[in-house]
């Protein structure tokens, strides 16, 4: 007999660890599983010095959030533990985040956090407690695709406005088989209603918006403290070779940025490249941003067939190169040494360090096939030639960072 989580045995015989951030989503997950009779254990991660962040709103895992998670656990009558992962979080997430920005990339720390802390370290802790599954409040669906082995697949959620599948592409097959996402079939409005039905004090709590360890969203302050060289001044150069002005550090810029560049040219200009070696911000027209191909690193594949089975003609997929954009038609190519994706339409603002996530289609029922981090991109031919010319004439290592 399978229970509601697709696990053998009755709920009361099944221990489930719930990752409780102190927000409404994970609190509802704990409440729903408790109501179904599961042996629920709540765990909250202390990921950084929460004392300095107690009064901050819009961030997860801060002091107030730990307090809220504890209150919810008391209300539900479940065991609750706070795990000090501060050192691990700094080593696995914060330091690489700062290093990535210092190298002219635009990293996504939430993906790395899921990859290294939540779905690796916390998952192993859940197993050590005898749990049959680790449940989270993410808006994504997972379903069994092979009942014989229990193998599961990842799908986009029912609520398109809450789709978090982009941030979960790095979940390995082993992790996915152990994880459960009870909110994947629910709209956010229903989750709020359930929080009220369960009598949870966090029912109207605002959703987190900031990167959790970045005070007031000022990531440049964090990076400048950890990697001061990234805050050193440099030149702002047009891709045609003109020196347009100066900047106070490449950490204040990202690929595709238009506002806040700090110079006026009489025409719209965008950041098209960040040269960390010479501290140069390269700008140009919007059309110079159009990207047709992205080369990937650290690829995680969740398809039924191995990547090596993809022929020279490639595999038709849909790809998402930014979290806020819909999946677009693309072709995935893979060989023994590299993986790249050709986009059917030019995408703008594609930055190294971001993720390119693979989907089976562009509808809300689409399966997540995996993804990888963008190592570099190739733009339309004209822009690519102009950037390479700039590299040759001024020694700017354009091709290395996209």
Protein backbone atom coordinates (compact mmCIF):
# COMPACT_ATOMS: atom_id res chain seq x y z
CA UNK A 1 0.00 0.00 0.00
CA UNK A 2 1.31 3.43 -1.00
CA UNK A 3 0.52 6.54 1.02
CA UNK A 4 -0.13 10.05 -0.32
CA UNK A 5 3.62 10.68 -0.72
CA UNK A 6 4.05 7.60 -2.87
CA UNK A 7 5.83 5.75 -0.07
CA UNK A 8 5.04 2.28 1.25
CA UNK A 9 3.25 2.07 4.58
CA UNK A 10 0.68 4.06 6.49
CA UNK A 11 1.35 7.76 7.26
CA UNK A 12 1.68 7.15 10.99
CA UNK A 13 4.46 4.65 10.24
CA UNK A 14 6.28 7.10 7.97
CA UNK A 15 8.67 9.75 9.23
CA UNK A 16 9.01 12.85 7.06
CA UNK A 17 11.43 15.72 7.68
CA UNK A 18 10.09 19.10 6.57
CA UNK A 19 12.53 21.90 5.75
CA UNK A 20 10.86 24.78 7.59
CA UNK A 21 12.04 28.26 6.60
CA UNK A 22 9.52 30.06 8.79
CA UNK A 23 7.43 31.12 5.80
CA UNK A 24 3.87 30.22 4.94
CA UNK A 25 4.72 27.62 2.28
CA UNK A 26 6.88 25.26 4.31
CA UNK A 27 4.65 25.79 7.34
CA UNK A 28 1.62 24.61 5.36
CA UNK A 29 3.58 21.57 4.17
CA UNK A 30 4.29 20.63 7.78
CA UNK A 31 0.66 21.24 8.71
CA UNK A 32 -0.77 19.18 5.87
CA UNK A 33 1.51 16.21 6.54
CA UNK A 34 0.79 16.35 10.26
CA UNK A 35 -2.95 16.44 9.53
CA UNK A 36 -2.59 13.33 7.36
CA UNK A 37 -0.97 11.53 10.28
CA UNK A 38 2.68 11.43 9.25
CA UNK A 39 5.46 11.44 11.83
CA UNK A 40 6.65 14.97 11.01
CA UNK A 41 9.96 16.46 12.12
CA UNK A 42 10.61 20.12 11.33
CA UNK A 43 14.12 21.39 10.61
CA UNK A 44 15.21 24.98 10.20
CA UNK A 45 18.64 25.98 9.00
CA UNK A 46 20.59 28.84 10.53
CA UNK A 47 22.60 29.84 7.49
CA UNK A 48 24.28 33.07 8.59
CA UNK A 49 24.53 35.46 11.53
CA UNK A 50 20.82 35.84 12.06
CA UNK A 51 21.32 38.30 14.90
CA UNK A 52 22.27 40.99 12.38
CA UNK A 53 19.28 40.21 10.24
CA UNK A 54 16.53 39.83 12.84
CA UNK A 55 14.90 43.10 11.84
CA UNK A 56 15.12 42.53 8.09
CA UNK A 57 12.00 41.76 6.11
CA UNK A 58 11.89 39.92 2.81
CA UNK A 59 14.65 37.41 3.48
CA UNK A 60 14.56 33.76 4.51
CA UNK A 61 16.36 32.00 7.36
CA UNK A 62 16.83 35.15 9.45
CA UNK A 63 16.25 35.29 13.22
CA UNK A 64 12.55 36.11 12.94
CA UNK A 65 12.06 33.26 10.51
CA UNK A 66 13.64 30.77 12.91
CA UNK A 67 11.32 32.07 15.62
CA UNK A 68 8.30 31.74 13.31
CA UNK A 69 9.22 28.17 12.36
CA UNK A 70 9.48 27.26 16.03
CA UNK A 71 6.05 28.78 16.74
CA UNK A 72 4.48 26.82 13.88
CA UNK A 73 6.05 23.58 15.12
CA UNK A 74 4.67 24.21 18.61
CA UNK A 75 1.22 24.88 17.17
CA UNK A 76 1.30 21.66 15.16
CA UNK A 77 2.79 19.62 17.99
CA UNK A 78 5.78 18.37 16.02
CA UNK A 79 9.45 18.07 16.90
CA UNK A 80 11.55 20.97 15.64
CA UNK A 81 15.30 21.42 15.36
CA UNK A 82 17.49 24.36 14.34
CA UNK A 83 20.68 23.27 12.62
CA UNK A 84 23.71 25.55 12.57
CA UNK A 85 24.93 25.40 8.96
CA UNK A 86 26.53 28.82 9.07
CA UNK A 87 30.08 27.67 8.29
CA UNK A 88 28.94 25.29 5.58
CA UNK A 89 26.71 27.96 4.01
CA UNK A 90 29.54 30.46 3.86
CA UNK A 91 31.91 27.97 2.24
CA UNK A 92 29.41 26.50 -0.22
CA UNK A 93 27.26 29.52 -1.11
CA UNK A 94 28.46 32.95 0.04
CA UNK A 95 32.16 32.68 -0.87
CA UNK A 96 31.48 31.22 -4.36
CA UNK A 97 28.80 33.90 -4.90
CA UNK A 98 31.29 36.67 -4.22
CA UNK A 99 34.00 35.01 -6.33
CA UNK A 100 31.59 34.62 -9.24
CA UNK A 101 30.60 38.30 -9.18
CA UNK A 102 34.25 39.31 -8.92
CA UNK A 103 34.86 37.39 -12.17
CA UNK A 104 32.14 39.29 -14.03
CA UNK A 105 29.47 36.62 -13.67
CA UNK A 106 25.88 36.87 -12.43
CA UNK A 107 25.46 33.88 -10.08
CA UNK A 108 22.23 32.41 -8.70
CA UNK A 109 23.00 31.53 -5.06
CA UNK A 110 19.58 29.93 -4.44
CA UNK A 111 20.44 27.18 -6.94
CA UNK A 112 23.77 26.52 -5.24
CA UNK A 113 22.13 26.53 -1.80
CA UNK A 114 19.62 23.89 -2.90
CA UNK A 115 22.40 21.93 -4.59
CA UNK A 116 24.86 21.87 -1.70
CA UNK A 117 23.14 22.64 1.58
CA UNK A 118 19.41 21.89 1.46
CA UNK A 119 19.35 18.91 -0.88
CA UNK A 120 22.70 17.46 0.14
CA UNK A 121 23.57 18.17 3.76
CA UNK A 122 20.01 18.49 5.08
CA UNK A 123 18.88 15.50 3.07
CA UNK A 124 21.58 13.32 4.61
CA UNK A 125 20.59 14.56 8.08
CA UNK A 126 16.97 13.58 7.34
CA UNK A 127 18.09 10.10 6.34
CA UNK A 128 20.14 9.77 9.52
CA UNK A 129 16.96 10.39 11.51
CA UNK A 130 15.22 7.53 9.76
CA UNK A 131 13.06 9.71 7.54
CA UNK A 132 11.54 8.23 4.41
CA UNK A 133 11.42 11.62 2.68
CA UNK A 134 12.42 15.27 2.92
CA UNK A 135 9.52 17.62 2.09
CA UNK A 136 9.85 21.30 1.15
CA UNK A 137 7.57 24.20 0.28
CA UNK A 138 8.91 24.67 -3.25
CA UNK A 139 6.39 25.18 -6.05
CA UNK A 140 7.34 22.33 -8.33
CA UNK A 141 5.88 18.88 -8.97
CA UNK A 142 7.54 15.50 -8.69
CA UNK A 143 5.86 12.33 -9.87
CA UNK A 144 6.84 8.68 -10.09
CA UNK A 145 7.68 7.71 -13.67
CA UNK A 146 8.77 4.18 -12.86
CA UNK A 147 6.58 2.54 -10.18
CA UNK A 148 8.81 -0.53 -10.10
CA UNK A 149 11.89 1.40 -8.98
CA UNK A 150 10.24 4.49 -7.47
CA UNK A 151 12.15 6.71 -9.90
CA UNK A 152 10.66 10.19 -9.98
CA UNK A 153 10.68 13.08 -12.43
CA UNK A 154 10.45 16.84 -11.93
CA UNK A 155 7.69 18.95 -13.51
CA UNK A 156 6.59 22.57 -13.54
CA UNK A 157 3.95 23.41 -10.87
CA UNK A 158 0.26 24.11 -11.32
CA UNK A 159 0.75 27.77 -10.31
CA UNK A 160 2.79 29.33 -13.13
CA UNK A 161 3.31 32.54 -11.15
CA UNK A 162 5.14 30.59 -8.43
CA UNK A 163 7.20 28.29 -10.68
CA UNK A 164 10.51 27.49 -8.91
CA UNK A 165 11.67 24.76 -11.26
CA UNK A 166 14.48 26.98 -12.60
CA UNK A 167 16.12 26.95 -9.16
CA UNK A 168 15.90 23.16 -8.81
CA UNK A 169 17.49 21.95 -12.06
CA UNK A 170 20.63 20.78 -10.22
CA UNK A 171 18.67 18.29 -8.10
CA UNK A 172 20.20 14.89 -8.76
CA UNK A 173 18.11 11.81 -9.51
CA UNK A 174 19.01 10.29 -6.13
CA UNK A 175 17.92 13.44 -4.32
CA UNK A 176 14.75 13.75 -6.39
CA UNK A 177 13.68 10.23 -5.46
CA UNK A 178 13.88 11.19 -1.76
CA UNK A 179 12.31 14.65 -2.01
CA UNK A 180 8.62 15.54 -1.94
CA UNK A 181 6.95 18.82 -2.94
CA UNK A 182 3.36 18.78 -1.58
CA UNK A 183 2.50 22.26 -2.90
CA UNK A 184 3.22 21.52 -6.56
CA UNK A 185 -0.44 20.98 -7.42
CA UNK A 186 -1.76 24.00 -5.48
CA UNK A 187 -2.11 27.71 -6.29
CA UNK A 188 -0.58 30.14 -3.81
CA UNK A 189 -4.04 31.48 -2.91
CA UNK A 190 -5.09 28.02 -1.72
CA UNK A 191 -1.92 27.68 0.34
CA UNK A 192 -2.81 30.91 2.16
CA UNK A 193 -6.30 29.53 2.81
CA UNK A 194 -4.84 26.31 4.21
CA UNK A 195 -2.56 28.29 6.52
CA UNK A 196 -5.65 29.98 7.98
CA UNK A 197 -7.49 26.65 8.25
CA UNK A 198 -4.53 25.19 10.14
CA UNK A 199 -4.45 28.21 12.45
CA UNK A 200 -0.89 29.16 11.58
CA UNK A 201 0.34 32.57 12.74
CA UNK A 202 2.34 32.99 9.51
CA UNK A 203 -0.75 32.78 7.26
CA UNK A 204 -0.34 36.37 6.05
CA UNK A 205 3.43 36.57 6.27
CA UNK A 206 5.04 38.19 3.23
CA UNK A 207 7.03 36.03 0.84
CA UNK A 208 10.80 36.36 0.85
CA UNK A 209 12.19 38.55 -1.93
CA UNK A 210 15.88 39.18 -1.26
CA UNK A 211 18.84 36.87 -1.41
CA UNK A 212 18.75 35.75 2.21
CA UNK A 213 22.29 36.78 3.17
CA UNK A 214 22.27 40.15 1.39
CA UNK A 215 21.14 43.05 3.64
CA UNK A 216 18.52 45.22 1.92
CA UNK A 217 19.35 43.58 -1.39
CA UNK A 218 22.73 45.39 -1.63
CA UNK A 219 24.80 42.48 -2.85
CA UNK A 220 27.64 44.81 -3.84
CA UNK A 221 28.29 45.54 -0.14
CA UNK A 222 28.71 41.83 0.59
CA UNK A 223 31.00 41.27 -2.40
CA UNK A 224 33.12 44.35 -1.69
CA UNK A 225 33.75 43.05 1.82
CA UNK A 226 34.70 39.53 0.70
CA UNK A 227 36.38 40.39 -2.62
CA UNK A 228 37.54 44.02 -2.42
CA UNK A 229 39.28 43.81 -5.81
CA UNK A 230 35.83 43.61 -7.45
CA UNK A 231 35.07 47.11 -6.17
CA UNK A 232 38.12 48.70 -7.77
CA UNK A 233 37.41 51.41 -10.38
CA UNK A 234 37.92 50.95 -14.10
CA UNK A 235 36.87 52.08 -17.58
CA UNK A 236 33.54 51.99 -19.36
CA UNK A 237 34.30 51.16 -23.01
CA UNK A 238 31.97 51.00 -26.00
CA UNK A 239 32.29 47.81 -28.01
CA UNK A 240 33.41 49.96 -30.95
CA UNK A 241 36.51 50.91 -28.94
CA UNK A 242 35.51 54.32 -27.56
CA UNK A 243 36.32 55.16 -23.96
CA UNK A 244 33.08 56.56 -22.54
CA UNK A 245 33.79 56.98 -18.86
CA UNK A 246 34.72 55.28 -15.62
CA UNK A 247 33.05 53.09 -13.01
CA UNK A 248 33.45 52.26 -9.31
CA UNK A 249 33.65 48.48 -9.66
CA UNK A 250 32.29 45.81 -12.01
CA UNK A 251 30.20 44.39 -9.15
CA UNK A 252 27.73 47.22 -9.76
CA UNK A 253 26.94 45.93 -13.27
CA UNK A 254 25.38 42.91 -14.92
CA UNK A 255 24.91 41.79 -18.51
CA UNK A 256 21.85 43.43 -20.08
CA UNK A 257 21.79 46.36 -17.64
CA UNK A 258 20.62 49.69 -19.07
CA UNK A 259 19.86 51.91 -16.08
CA UNK A 260 22.51 53.14 -13.69
CA UNK A 261 25.47 52.76 -16.05
CA UNK A 262 26.50 56.31 -15.21
CA UNK A 263 27.15 57.77 -18.65
CA UNK A 264 25.04 59.60 -21.24
CA UNK A 265 25.64 58.99 -24.95
CA UNK A 266 22.42 60.26 -26.50
CA UNK A 267 21.45 56.71 -27.45
CA UNK A 268 20.35 53.68 -25.41
CA UNK A 269 23.31 51.57 -24.35
CA UNK A 270 23.49 48.30 -22.44
CA UNK A 271 26.16 46.36 -20.60
CA UNK A 272 27.25 43.65 -23.03
CA UNK A 273 30.36 42.30 -21.32
CA UNK A 274 32.28 42.51 -18.03
CA UNK A 275 36.06 42.16 -18.29
CA UNK A 276 37.14 41.32 -14.75
CA UNK A 277 40.83 41.02 -15.65
CA UNK A 278 41.12 44.66 -16.73
CA UNK A 279 38.14 45.91 -14.72
CA UNK A 280 36.35 47.10 -17.88
CA UNK A 281 32.62 47.43 -18.43
CA UNK A 282 31.87 47.01 -22.13
CA UNK A 283 28.66 48.60 -23.41
CA UNK A 284 26.81 48.63 -26.73
CA UNK A 285 23.39 48.70 -28.41
CA UNK A 286 20.56 46.36 -27.44
CA UNK A 287 21.00 44.22 -30.55
CA UNK A 288 24.50 43.32 -29.34
CA UNK A 289 22.89 41.37 -26.50
CA UNK A 290 21.03 38.90 -28.71
CA UNK A 291 22.41 35.44 -27.88
CA UNK A 292 21.93 32.35 -30.03
CA UNK A 293 24.16 29.80 -28.32
CA UNK A 294 25.13 29.11 -24.72
CA UNK A 295 27.96 26.84 -23.61
CA UNK A 296 27.33 25.09 -20.30
CA UNK A 297 29.29 23.71 -17.37
CA UNK A 298 28.27 21.50 -14.43
CA UNK A 299 25.36 20.01 -16.35
CA UNK A 300 22.79 17.94 -14.45
CA UNK A 301 20.70 15.63 -16.62
CA UNK A 302 17.32 14.23 -15.51
CA UNK A 303 16.10 12.75 -18.79
CA UNK A 304 15.21 9.08 -19.27
CA UNK A 305 18.04 8.45 -21.74
CA UNK A 306 21.67 9.42 -21.04
CA UNK A 307 23.09 12.58 -22.58
CA UNK A 308 25.42 10.40 -24.62
CA UNK A 309 22.38 9.07 -26.48
CA UNK A 310 21.75 12.48 -28.07
CA UNK A 311 22.76 12.28 -31.72
CA UNK A 312 24.67 14.85 -33.77
CA UNK A 313 21.37 16.43 -34.82
CA UNK A 314 20.72 17.39 -31.20
CA UNK A 315 17.61 17.09 -29.04
CA UNK A 316 14.65 19.45 -29.42
CA UNK A 317 13.87 20.99 -26.02
CA UNK A 318 12.68 24.25 -24.51
CA UNK A 319 15.22 26.26 -22.51
CA UNK A 320 15.02 28.97 -19.89
CA UNK A 321 18.03 31.27 -19.52
CA UNK A 322 16.62 33.56 -16.80
CA UNK A 323 14.28 32.68 -13.94
CA UNK A 324 11.69 35.31 -14.90
CA UNK A 325 11.46 34.29 -18.56
CA UNK A 326 9.35 31.54 -20.13
CA UNK A 327 11.00 28.52 -21.76
CA UNK A 328 11.78 29.03 -25.47
CA UNK A 329 12.36 26.55 -28.27
CA UNK A 330 15.95 25.31 -28.40
CA UNK A 331 18.18 22.41 -29.39
CA UNK A 332 20.48 20.63 -26.96
CA UNK A 333 23.83 19.30 -28.19
CA UNK A 334 26.18 17.11 -26.17
CA UNK A 335 29.38 15.19 -26.81
CA UNK A 336 32.12 13.69 -24.67
CA UNK A 337 33.67 17.07 -23.83
CA UNK A 338 30.99 19.73 -23.96
CA UNK A 339 27.32 20.65 -23.83
CA UNK A 340 25.73 23.63 -25.54
CA UNK A 341 22.24 24.88 -26.39
CA UNK A 342 21.19 26.69 -29.56
CA UNK A 343 18.26 29.05 -29.02
CA UNK A 344 15.74 29.39 -31.84
CA UNK A 345 15.32 33.09 -31.05
CA UNK A 346 17.99 35.47 -29.81
CA UNK A 347 17.73 35.96 -26.05
CA UNK A 348 19.03 39.17 -24.45
CA UNK A 349 20.73 39.64 -21.11
CA UNK A 350 22.25 36.16 -21.06
CA UNK A 351 25.01 36.26 -18.46
CA UNK A 352 27.75 33.81 -17.43
CA UNK A 353 26.93 32.28 -14.05
CA UNK A 354 23.20 32.15 -14.74
CA UNK A 355 21.51 28.83 -15.41
CA UNK A 356 20.11 27.39 -18.63
CA UNK A 357 17.35 24.94 -17.66
CA UNK A 358 15.97 22.29 -20.02
CA UNK A 359 12.24 21.50 -20.36
CA UNK A 360 10.27 19.00 -22.42
CA UNK A 361 7.97 21.80 -23.65
CA UNK A 362 6.73 25.30 -22.92
CA UNK A 363 3.44 24.34 -21.24
CA UNK A 364 2.70 24.13 -17.54
CA UNK A 365 2.84 20.32 -17.63
CA UNK A 366 6.40 20.33 -18.95
CA UNK A 367 9.01 18.08 -17.40
CA UNK A 368 12.33 19.45 -16.17
CA UNK A 369 15.08 17.61 -18.04
CA UNK A 370 17.99 19.21 -16.17
CA UNK A 371 20.24 22.12 -17.00
CA UNK A 372 23.64 23.67 -16.51
CA UNK A 373 25.40 26.90 -15.62
CA UNK A 374 26.28 29.26 -18.46
CA UNK A 375 30.04 29.34 -18.97
CA UNK A 376 29.93 31.62 -22.02
CA UNK A 377 27.57 32.67 -24.77
CA UNK A 378 27.77 33.43 -28.46
CA UNK A 379 25.93 36.44 -29.82
CA UNK A 380 24.76 37.31 -33.31
CA UNK A 381 27.65 37.29 -35.79
CA UNK A 382 28.06 41.08 -36.03
CA UNK A 383 28.27 41.57 -32.28
CA UNK A 384 30.55 38.58 -31.87
CA UNK A 385 32.99 39.97 -34.45
CA UNK A 386 32.95 43.43 -32.82
CA UNK A 387 33.73 41.98 -29.39
CA UNK A 388 36.56 39.87 -30.73
CA UNK A 389 37.99 42.90 -32.51
CA UNK A 390 37.87 44.81 -29.21
CA UNK A 391 39.67 41.91 -27.55
CA UNK A 392 42.42 42.00 -30.15
CA UNK A 393 42.92 45.75 -30.16
CA UNK A 394 42.59 46.40 -26.43
CA UNK A 395 43.48 43.07 -24.89
CA UNK A 396 40.02 42.55 -23.44
CA UNK A 397 39.36 38.89 -22.68
CA UNK A 398 35.81 39.04 -24.05
CA UNK A 399 35.45 35.46 -25.16
CA UNK A 400 36.35 34.07 -21.77
CA UNK A 401 33.29 35.41 -19.98
CA UNK A 402 30.68 35.60 -22.67
